[in-house]
């Protein structure tokens, strides 16, 4: 039984092409993941900014409520 084999240089060319295809696919995948990660980081930054703004707003509302309750308590003590 004889096995037909390609000449060695042709074999190396085929291997080189296969490796290039794999590396190209790997590079594209890494590039896509990097873009997704950058997008997620941007979204998290925006979310954190919104949360901080909400925290400031709620602290102000809490302080306003505390002030109003103090005024009500003072009014009740003077009556």
N, C-alpha and C. Protein backbone atom coordinates (compact mmCIF):
# COMPACT_ATOMS: atom_id res chain seq x y z
N UNK A 1 0.84 -1.17 0.00
CA UNK A 1 0.00 0.00 0.00
C UNK A 1 0.89 1.24 0.00
N UNK A 2 0.69 2.11 -0.93
CA UNK A 2 1.48 3.33 -1.02
C UNK A 2 0.62 4.52 -0.64
N UNK A 3 1.21 5.38 0.12
CA UNK A 3 0.51 6.60 0.52
C UNK A 3 1.07 7.74 -0.31
N UNK A 4 0.17 8.45 -0.96
CA UNK A 4 0.61 9.59 -1.77
C UNK A 4 0.80 10.78 -0.85
N UNK A 5 1.98 11.32 -0.81
CA UNK A 5 2.25 12.47 0.05
C UNK A 5 2.66 13.65 -0.81
N UNK A 6 2.31 14.81 -0.34
CA UNK A 6 2.69 16.05 -1.04
C UNK A 6 4.16 16.32 -0.78
N UNK A 7 4.78 17.01 -1.68
CA UNK A 7 6.18 17.37 -1.44
C UNK A 7 6.30 18.22 -0.17
N UNK A 8 7.43 18.12 0.49
CA UNK A 8 7.64 18.79 1.78
C UNK A 8 7.43 20.31 1.71
N UNK A 9 7.95 21.03 0.72
CA UNK A 9 7.70 22.48 0.67
C UNK A 9 6.22 22.82 0.55
N UNK A 10 5.47 22.02 -0.20
CA UNK A 10 4.03 22.26 -0.34
C UNK A 10 3.34 22.02 1.00
N UNK A 11 3.78 21.00 1.72
CA UNK A 11 3.25 20.70 3.04
C UNK A 11 3.48 21.89 3.98
N UNK A 12 4.69 22.46 3.94
CA UNK A 12 5.00 23.62 4.77
C UNK A 12 4.14 24.82 4.40
N UNK A 13 3.89 25.00 3.12
CA UNK A 13 3.04 26.10 2.67
C UNK A 13 1.62 25.93 3.20
N UNK A 14 1.10 24.70 3.13
CA UNK A 14 -0.24 24.42 3.64
C UNK A 14 -0.31 24.67 5.15
N UNK A 15 0.70 24.22 5.86
CA UNK A 15 0.74 24.43 7.32
C UNK A 15 0.80 25.92 7.62
N UNK A 16 1.62 26.65 6.89
CA UNK A 16 1.75 28.09 7.08
C UNK A 16 0.42 28.79 6.86
N UNK A 17 -0.30 28.41 5.81
CA UNK A 17 -1.61 29.00 5.54
C UNK A 17 -2.59 28.70 6.66
N UNK A 18 -2.58 27.46 7.14
CA UNK A 18 -3.49 27.07 8.22
C UNK A 18 -3.18 27.86 9.50
N UNK A 19 -1.91 28.01 9.81
CA UNK A 19 -1.51 28.77 10.99
C UNK A 19 -1.93 30.23 10.84
N UNK A 20 -1.76 30.79 9.66
CA UNK A 20 -2.17 32.18 9.42
C UNK A 20 -3.67 32.36 9.58
N UNK A 21 -4.46 31.40 9.11
CA UNK A 21 -5.91 31.46 9.26
C UNK A 21 -6.28 31.43 10.74
N UNK A 22 -5.65 30.53 11.49
CA UNK A 22 -5.92 30.41 12.93
C UNK A 22 -5.53 31.69 13.66
N UNK A 23 -4.35 32.22 13.35
CA UNK A 23 -3.90 33.45 14.01
C UNK A 23 -4.79 34.64 13.66
N UNK A 24 -5.25 34.70 12.42
CA UNK A 24 -6.15 35.78 12.02
C UNK A 24 -7.46 35.69 12.79
N UNK A 25 -8.01 34.49 12.90
CA UNK A 25 -9.26 34.30 13.65
C UNK A 25 -9.05 34.66 15.11
N UNK A 26 -7.92 34.26 15.67
CA UNK A 26 -7.61 34.56 17.07
C UNK A 26 -7.49 36.07 17.28
N UNK A 27 -6.82 36.74 16.36
CA UNK A 27 -6.65 38.19 16.45
C UNK A 27 -7.99 38.91 16.36
N UNK A 28 -8.85 38.46 15.45
CA UNK A 28 -10.18 39.06 15.32
C UNK A 28 -10.99 38.86 16.59
N UNK A 29 -10.92 37.67 17.17
CA UNK A 29 -11.64 37.38 18.41
C UNK A 29 -11.15 38.28 19.53
N UNK A 30 -9.84 38.41 19.67
CA UNK A 30 -9.28 39.28 20.70
C UNK A 30 -9.71 40.73 20.49
N UNK A 31 -9.72 41.15 19.25
CA UNK A 31 -10.11 42.52 18.92
C UNK A 31 -11.57 42.76 19.30
N UNK A 32 -12.43 41.81 18.97
CA UNK A 32 -13.85 41.93 19.31
C UNK A 32 -14.04 41.97 20.82
N UNK A 33 -13.34 41.10 21.53
CA UNK A 33 -13.46 41.07 22.99
C UNK A 33 -12.96 42.37 23.61
N UNK A 34 -11.90 42.91 23.06
CA UNK A 34 -11.37 44.18 23.56
C UNK A 34 -12.40 45.29 23.38
N UNK A 35 -13.06 45.30 22.24
CA UNK A 35 -14.09 46.31 21.98
C UNK A 35 -15.26 46.15 22.95
N UNK A 36 -15.68 44.91 23.17
CA UNK A 36 -16.78 44.64 24.10
C UNK A 36 -16.39 45.06 25.51
N UNK A 37 -15.17 44.72 25.93
CA UNK A 37 -14.71 45.09 27.26
C UNK A 37 -14.65 46.61 27.43
N UNK A 38 -14.19 47.30 26.40
CA UNK A 38 -14.13 48.76 26.46
C UNK A 38 -15.53 49.34 26.58
N UNK A 39 -16.48 48.76 25.85
CA UNK A 39 -17.86 49.22 25.92
C UNK A 39 -18.43 48.97 27.31
N UNK A 40 -18.17 47.80 27.87
CA UNK A 40 -18.65 47.49 29.22
C UNK A 40 -18.04 48.45 30.24
N UNK A 41 -16.76 48.74 30.10
CA UNK A 41 -16.10 49.68 31.02
C UNK A 41 -16.75 51.06 30.93
N UNK A 42 -17.06 51.49 29.71
CA UNK A 42 -17.72 52.79 29.52
C UNK A 42 -19.10 52.79 30.17
N UNK A 43 -19.85 51.71 29.98
CA UNK A 43 -21.18 51.61 30.58
C UNK A 43 -21.10 51.61 32.10
N UNK A 44 -20.12 50.91 32.66
CA UNK A 44 -19.95 50.89 34.11
C UNK A 44 -19.57 52.27 34.64
N UNK A 45 -18.72 52.98 33.92
CA UNK A 45 -18.36 54.34 34.33
C UNK A 45 -19.59 55.24 34.35
N UNK A 46 -20.41 55.13 33.32
CA UNK A 46 -21.64 55.94 33.24
C UNK A 46 -22.58 55.57 34.37
N UNK A 47 -22.73 54.29 34.64
CA UNK A 47 -23.59 53.83 35.72
C UNK A 47 -23.09 54.35 37.07
N UNK A 48 -21.79 54.28 37.28
CA UNK A 48 -21.21 54.78 38.53
C UNK A 48 -21.44 56.28 38.67
N UNK A 49 -21.31 57.00 37.59
CA UNK A 49 -21.58 58.45 37.60
C UNK A 49 -23.03 58.72 37.98
N UNK A 50 -23.96 57.94 37.40
CA UNK A 50 -25.38 58.10 37.72
C UNK A 50 -25.66 57.76 39.18
N UNK A 51 -25.03 56.71 39.68
CA UNK A 51 -25.24 56.30 41.07
C UNK A 51 -24.72 57.38 42.02
N UNK A 52 -23.58 57.95 41.71
CA UNK A 52 -23.03 59.02 42.56
C UNK A 52 -23.95 60.24 42.56
N UNK A 53 -24.49 60.58 41.40
CA UNK A 53 -25.43 61.71 41.32
C UNK A 53 -26.67 61.41 42.14
N UNK A 54 -27.16 60.18 42.08
CA UNK A 54 -28.34 59.79 42.86
C UNK A 54 -28.03 59.85 44.36
N UNK A 55 -26.84 59.44 44.74
CA UNK A 55 -26.44 59.49 46.15
C UNK A 55 -26.44 60.93 46.66
N UNK A 56 -25.89 61.84 45.88
CA UNK A 56 -25.88 63.26 46.27
C UNK A 56 -27.30 63.79 46.40
N UNK A 57 -28.15 63.44 45.44
CA UNK A 57 -29.55 63.86 45.46
C UNK A 57 -30.26 63.35 46.71
N UNK A 58 -30.07 62.06 47.01
CA UNK A 58 -30.74 61.47 48.17
C UNK A 58 -30.23 62.05 49.49
N UNK A 59 -28.94 62.34 49.56
CA UNK A 59 -28.39 62.96 50.77
C UNK A 59 -29.00 64.35 50.98
N UNK A 60 -29.17 65.09 49.89
CA UNK A 60 -29.78 66.41 49.98
C UNK A 60 -31.23 66.31 50.43
N UNK A 61 -31.96 65.35 49.87
CA UNK A 61 -33.36 65.15 50.26
C UNK A 61 -33.45 64.76 51.73
N UNK A 62 -32.54 63.93 52.19
CA UNK A 62 -32.51 63.51 53.60
C UNK A 62 -32.27 64.72 54.49
N UNK A 63 -31.34 65.57 54.09
CA UNK A 63 -31.04 66.77 54.87
C UNK A 63 -32.23 67.72 54.88
N UNK A 64 -32.90 67.87 53.74
CA UNK A 64 -34.11 68.71 53.67
C UNK A 64 -35.20 68.18 54.59
N UNK A 65 -35.40 66.88 54.60
CA UNK A 65 -36.40 66.26 55.46
C UNK A 65 -36.04 66.45 56.93
N UNK A 66 -34.77 66.28 57.24
CA UNK A 66 -34.32 66.47 58.62
C UNK A 66 -34.61 67.91 59.07
N UNK A 67 -34.34 68.86 58.19
CA UNK A 67 -34.59 70.27 58.50
C UNK A 67 -36.08 70.53 58.71
N UNK A 68 -36.92 69.98 57.85
CA UNK A 68 -38.37 70.17 57.98
C UNK A 68 -38.89 69.55 59.28
N UNK A 69 -38.38 68.37 59.63
CA UNK A 69 -38.81 67.73 60.88
C UNK A 69 -38.36 68.54 62.10
N UNK A 70 -37.19 69.12 62.02
CA UNK A 70 -36.71 69.98 63.11
C UNK A 70 -37.62 71.20 63.26
N UNK A 71 -38.02 71.78 62.13
CA UNK A 71 -38.93 72.94 62.17
C UNK A 71 -40.28 72.54 62.76
N UNK A 72 -40.79 71.39 62.39
CA UNK A 72 -42.08 70.92 62.92
C UNK A 72 -41.96 70.68 64.42
N UNK A 73 -40.87 70.03 64.84
CA UNK A 73 -40.67 69.75 66.27
C UNK A 73 -40.56 71.06 67.05
N UNK A 74 -39.87 72.04 66.51
CA UNK A 74 -39.75 73.34 67.18
C UNK A 74 -41.10 74.02 67.30
N UNK A 75 -41.89 73.95 66.24
CA UNK A 75 -43.22 74.56 66.25
C UNK A 75 -44.11 73.89 67.29
N UNK A 76 -44.00 72.57 67.43
CA UNK A 76 -44.82 71.85 68.41
C UNK A 76 -44.40 72.19 69.84
N UNK A 77 -43.12 72.42 70.07
CA UNK A 77 -42.64 72.75 71.42
C UNK A 77 -43.05 74.16 71.84
N UNK A 78 -43.22 75.05 70.89
CA UNK A 78 -43.57 76.43 71.22
C UNK A 78 -45.07 76.60 71.45
N UNK A 79 -45.86 75.65 71.05
CA UNK A 79 -47.32 75.78 71.21
C UNK A 79 -47.76 75.38 72.57
